[in-house]
PDB file of N, CA and C in Angstrom:
ATOM      1  N   UNK A   1      11.764   3.573 -15.924  1.00  0.00           N
ATOM      2  CA  UNK A   1      11.785   4.921 -15.396  1.00  0.00           C
ATOM      3  C   UNK A   1      12.746   4.948 -14.220  1.00  0.00           C
ATOM      4  N   UNK A   2      13.684   5.863 -14.263  1.00  0.00           N
ATOM      5  CA  UNK A   2      14.654   6.026 -13.178  1.00  0.00           C
ATOM      6  C   UNK A   2      14.229   7.219 -12.339  1.00  0.00           C
ATOM      7  N   UNK A   3      13.897   6.983 -11.086  1.00  0.00           N
ATOM      8  CA  UNK A   3      13.450   8.058 -10.204  1.00  0.00           C
ATOM      9  C   UNK A   3      14.218   7.974  -8.892  1.00  0.00           C
ATOM     10  N   UNK A   4      15.426   8.545  -8.871  1.00  0.00           N
ATOM     11  CA  UNK A   4      16.237   8.449  -7.655  1.00  0.00           C
ATOM     12  C   UNK A   4      15.622   9.229  -6.492  1.00  0.00           C
ATOM     13  N   UNK A   5      15.847   8.721  -5.319  1.00  0.00           N
ATOM     14  CA  UNK A   5      15.398   9.373  -4.092  1.00  0.00           C
ATOM     15  C   UNK A   5      16.629   9.560  -3.222  1.00  0.00           C
ATOM     16  N   UNK A   6      16.827  10.761  -2.718  1.00  0.00           N
ATOM     17  CA  UNK A   6      17.981  11.065  -1.886  1.00  0.00           C
ATOM     18  C   UNK A   6      17.517  11.422  -0.481  1.00  0.00           C
ATOM     19  N   UNK A   7      18.188  10.898   0.506  1.00  0.00           N
ATOM     20  CA  UNK A   7      17.909  11.218   1.898  1.00  0.00           C
ATOM     21  C   UNK A   7      19.169  11.826   2.506  1.00  0.00           C
ATOM     22  N   UNK A   8      18.997  12.812   3.354  1.00  0.00           N
ATOM     23  CA  UNK A   8      20.116  13.425   4.062  1.00  0.00           C
ATOM     24  C   UNK A   8      19.935  13.141   5.551  1.00  0.00           C
ATOM     25  N   UNK A   9      20.945  12.560   6.153  1.00  0.00           N
ATOM     26  CA  UNK A   9      20.948  12.319   7.599  1.00  0.00           C
ATOM     27  C   UNK A   9      21.975  13.265   8.211  1.00  0.00           C
ATOM     28  N   UNK A  10      21.520  14.152   9.056  1.00  0.00           N
ATOM     29  CA  UNK A  10      22.403  15.128   9.689  1.00  0.00           C
ATOM     30  C   UNK A  10      23.457  14.399  10.517  1.00  0.00           C
ATOM     31  N   UNK A  11      24.750  14.623  10.240  1.00  0.00           N
ATOM     32  CA  UNK A  11      25.818  13.952  10.992  1.00  0.00           C
ATOM     33  C   UNK A  11      25.766  14.227  12.498  1.00  0.00           C
ATOM     34  N   UNK A  12      25.140  15.321  12.888  1.00  0.00           N
ATOM     35  CA  UNK A  12      25.045  15.644  14.314  1.00  0.00           C
ATOM     36  C   UNK A  12      24.134  14.676  15.067  1.00  0.00           C
ATOM     37  N   UNK A  13      23.341  13.892  14.358  1.00  0.00           N
ATOM     38  CA  UNK A  13      22.515  12.886  15.028  1.00  0.00           C
ATOM     39  C   UNK A  13      23.389  11.938  15.842  1.00  0.00           C
ATOM     40  N   UNK A  14      24.567  11.631  15.340  1.00  0.00           N
ATOM     41  CA  UNK A  14      25.479  10.704  16.026  1.00  0.00           C
ATOM     42  C   UNK A  14      25.982  11.279  17.349  1.00  0.00           C
ATOM     43  N   UNK A  15      25.934  12.594  17.495  1.00  0.00           N
ATOM     44  CA  UNK A  15      26.426  13.253  18.707  1.00  0.00           C
ATOM     45  C   UNK A  15      25.304  13.636  19.673  1.00  0.00           C
ATOM     46  N   UNK A  16      24.060  13.431  19.284  1.00  0.00           N
ATOM     47  CA  UNK A  16      22.922  13.831  20.113  1.00  0.00           C
ATOM     48  C   UNK A  16      22.709  12.810  21.232  1.00  0.00           C
ATOM     49  N   UNK A  17      22.860  13.216  22.497  1.00  0.00           N
ATOM     50  CA  UNK A  17      22.706  12.272  23.609  1.00  0.00           C
ATOM     51  C   UNK A  17      21.302  11.661  23.691  1.00  0.00           C
ATOM     52  N   UNK A  18      20.288  12.360  23.175  1.00  0.00           N
ATOM     53  CA  UNK A  18      18.926  11.818  23.196  1.00  0.00           C
ATOM     54  C   UNK A  18      18.786  10.617  22.259  1.00  0.00           C
ATOM     55  N   UNK A  19      19.704  10.475  21.326  1.00  0.00           N
ATOM     56  CA  UNK A  19      19.625   9.392  20.350  1.00  0.00           C
ATOM     57  C   UNK A  19      20.654   8.293  20.600  1.00  0.00           C
ATOM     58  N   UNK A  20      21.286   8.286  21.768  1.00  0.00           N
ATOM     59  CA  UNK A  20      22.358   7.326  22.016  1.00  0.00           C
ATOM     60  C   UNK A  20      21.895   5.870  21.953  1.00  0.00           C
ATOM     61  N   UNK A  21      20.633   5.613  22.222  1.00  0.00           N
ATOM     62  CA  UNK A  21      20.112   4.242  22.156  1.00  0.00           C
ATOM     63  C   UNK A  21      19.427   3.929  20.824  1.00  0.00           C
ATOM     64  N   UNK A  22      19.455   4.872  19.918  1.00  0.00           N
ATOM     65  CA  UNK A  22      18.833   4.671  18.605  1.00  0.00           C
ATOM     66  C   UNK A  22      19.801   3.889  17.718  1.00  0.00           C
ATOM     67  N   UNK A  23      19.360   2.741  17.247  1.00  0.00           N
ATOM     68  CA  UNK A  23      20.219   1.909  16.399  1.00  0.00           C
ATOM     69  C   UNK A  23      19.709   1.813  14.967  1.00  0.00           C
ATOM     70  N   UNK A  24      18.483   2.271  14.726  1.00  0.00           N
ATOM     71  CA  UNK A  24      17.896   2.187  13.389  1.00  0.00           C
ATOM     72  C   UNK A  24      17.204   3.491  13.020  1.00  0.00           C
ATOM     73  N   UNK A  25      17.241   3.817  11.748  1.00  0.00           N
ATOM     74  CA  UNK A  25      16.486   4.938  11.201  1.00  0.00           C
ATOM     75  C   UNK A  25      15.701   4.382  10.020  1.00  0.00           C
ATOM     76  N   UNK A  26      14.410   4.641   9.995  1.00  0.00           N
ATOM     77  CA  UNK A  26      13.576   4.186   8.890  1.00  0.00           C
ATOM     78  C   UNK A  26      13.327   5.351   7.942  1.00  0.00           C
ATOM     79  N   UNK A  27      13.675   5.166   6.685  1.00  0.00           N
ATOM     80  CA  UNK A  27      13.467   6.185   5.660  1.00  0.00           C
ATOM     81  C   UNK A  27      12.388   5.691   4.714  1.00  0.00           C
ATOM     82  N   UNK A  28      11.504   6.588   4.308  1.00  0.00           N
ATOM     83  CA  UNK A  28      10.458   6.180   3.378  1.00  0.00           C
ATOM     84  C   UNK A  28      10.064   7.354   2.491  1.00  0.00           C
ATOM     85  N   UNK A  29       9.379   7.038   1.432  1.00  0.00           N
ATOM     86  CA  UNK A  29       8.854   8.059   0.534  1.00  0.00           C
ATOM     87  C   UNK A  29       7.544   7.552  -0.038  1.00  0.00           C
ATOM     88  N   UNK A  30       6.714   8.472  -0.489  1.00  0.00           N
ATOM     89  CA  UNK A  30       5.412   8.120  -1.038  1.00  0.00           C
ATOM     90  C   UNK A  30       5.200   8.878  -2.337  1.00  0.00           C
ATOM     91  N   UNK A  31       4.687   8.191  -3.346  1.00  0.00           N
ATOM     92  CA  UNK A  31       4.318   8.841  -4.599  1.00  0.00           C
ATOM     93  C   UNK A  31       2.826   9.158  -4.554  1.00  0.00           C
ATOM     94  N   UNK A  32       2.471  10.341  -5.011  1.00  0.00           N
ATOM     95  CA  UNK A  32       1.083  10.754  -5.071  1.00  0.00           C
ATOM     96  C   UNK A  32       0.705  11.009  -6.519  1.00  0.00           C
ATOM     97  N   UNK A  33      -0.535  10.734  -6.854  1.00  0.00           N
ATOM     98  CA  UNK A  33      -1.022  10.987  -8.199  1.00  0.00           C
ATOM     99  C   UNK A  33      -1.074  12.494  -8.431  1.00  0.00           C
ATOM    100  N   UNK A  34      -0.580  12.925  -9.577  1.00  0.00           N
ATOM    101  CA  UNK A  34      -0.577  14.351  -9.908  1.00  0.00           C
ATOM    102  C   UNK A  34      -1.988  14.799 -10.274  1.00  0.00           C
ATOM    103  N   UNK A  35      -2.308  16.025  -9.926  1.00  0.00           N
ATOM    104  CA  UNK A  35      -3.605  16.587 -10.290  1.00  0.00           C
ATOM    105  C   UNK A  35      -3.590  16.937 -11.777  1.00  0.00           C
ATOM    106  N   UNK A  36      -4.673  16.674 -12.488  1.00  0.00           N
ATOM    107  CA  UNK A  36      -4.726  17.014 -13.915  1.00  0.00           C
ATOM    108  C   UNK A  36      -4.481  18.508 -14.128  1.00  0.00           C
ATOM    109  N   UNK A  37      -3.649  18.835 -15.104  1.00  0.00           N
ATOM    110  CA  UNK A  37      -3.371  20.228 -15.432  1.00  0.00           C
ATOM    111  C   UNK A  37      -2.301  20.874 -14.576  1.00  0.00           C
ATOM    112  N   UNK A  38      -1.788  20.169 -13.592  1.00  0.00           N
ATOM    113  CA  UNK A  38      -0.749  20.732 -12.726  1.00  0.00           C
ATOM    114  C   UNK A  38       0.605  20.494 -13.374  1.00  0.00           C
ATOM    115  N   UNK A  39       1.255  21.550 -13.813  1.00  0.00           N
ATOM    116  CA  UNK A  39       2.564  21.447 -14.460  1.00  0.00           C
ATOM    117  C   UNK A  39       3.622  22.062 -13.554  1.00  0.00           C
ATOM    118  N   UNK A  40       4.417  21.218 -12.947  1.00  0.00           N
ATOM    119  CA  UNK A  40       5.492  21.682 -12.073  1.00  0.00           C
ATOM    120  C   UNK A  40       6.776  21.799 -12.870  1.00  0.00           C
ATOM    121  N   UNK A  41       7.648  22.734 -12.518  1.00  0.00           N
ATOM    122  CA  UNK A  41       8.923  22.859 -13.238  1.00  0.00           C
ATOM    123  C   UNK A  41       9.808  21.638 -13.009  1.00  0.00           C
ATOM    124  N   UNK A  42      10.559  21.264 -14.036  1.00  0.00           N
ATOM    125  CA  UNK A  42      11.495  20.146 -13.936  1.00  0.00           C
ATOM    126  C   UNK A  42      12.815  20.694 -13.397  1.00  0.00           C
ATOM    127  N   UNK A  43      13.346  20.149 -12.299  1.00  0.00           N
ATOM    128  CA  UNK A  43      14.621  20.634 -11.746  1.00  0.00           C
ATOM    129  C   UNK A  43      15.749  20.500 -12.768  1.00  0.00           C
ATOM    130  N   UNK A  44      16.710  21.408 -12.714  1.00  0.00           N
ATOM    131  CA  UNK A  44      17.806  21.423 -13.691  1.00  0.00           C
ATOM    132  C   UNK A  44      18.613  20.132 -13.673  1.00  0.00           C
ATOM    133  N   UNK A  45      18.797  19.507 -12.507  1.00  0.00           N
ATOM    134  CA  UNK A  45      19.584  18.273 -12.468  1.00  0.00           C
ATOM    135  C   UNK A  45      18.871  17.134 -13.187  1.00  0.00           C
ATOM    136  N   UNK A  46      17.559  17.207 -13.298  1.00  0.00           N
ATOM    137  CA  UNK A  46      16.807  16.194 -14.041  1.00  0.00           C
ATOM    138  C   UNK A  46      16.894  16.487 -15.532  1.00  0.00           C
ATOM    139  N   UNK A  47      16.827  17.765 -15.901  1.00  0.00           N
ATOM    140  CA  UNK A  47      16.898  18.152 -17.314  1.00  0.00           C
ATOM    141  C   UNK A  47      18.194  17.672 -17.949  1.00  0.00           C
ATOM    142  N   UNK A  48      19.285  17.658 -17.200  1.00  0.00           N
ATOM    143  CA  UNK A  48      20.580  17.208 -17.728  1.00  0.00           C
ATOM    144  C   UNK A  48      20.495  15.765 -18.189  1.00  0.00           C
ATOM    145  N   UNK A  49      19.744  14.939 -17.485  1.00  0.00           N
ATOM    146  CA  UNK A  49      19.637  13.517 -17.815  1.00  0.00           C
ATOM    147  C   UNK A  49      18.628  13.254 -18.928  1.00  0.00           C
ATOM    148  N   UNK A  50      17.760  14.228 -19.198  1.00  0.00           N
ATOM    149  CA  UNK A  50      16.756  14.065 -20.245  1.00  0.00           C
ATOM    150  C   UNK A  50      17.289  14.447 -21.617  1.00  0.00           C
ATOM    151  N   UNK A  51      18.379  15.194 -21.635  1.00  0.00           N
ATOM    152  CA  UNK A  51      18.927  15.685 -22.914  1.00  0.00           C
ATOM    153  C   UNK A  51      19.555  14.572 -23.727  1.00  0.00           C
TER     154      UNK A  51
END
């Protein structure tokens, strides 16, 4: 199963004086069990790969 995860880091973080001593950013994600009967729409970019 291929399940890509994308993170966006705002380029302005590099210019923020409050973050001048920040050398690391931790990115994470969590998978949750789906509720039975809950049908969410499949995004169009995913449908392209399923065809």
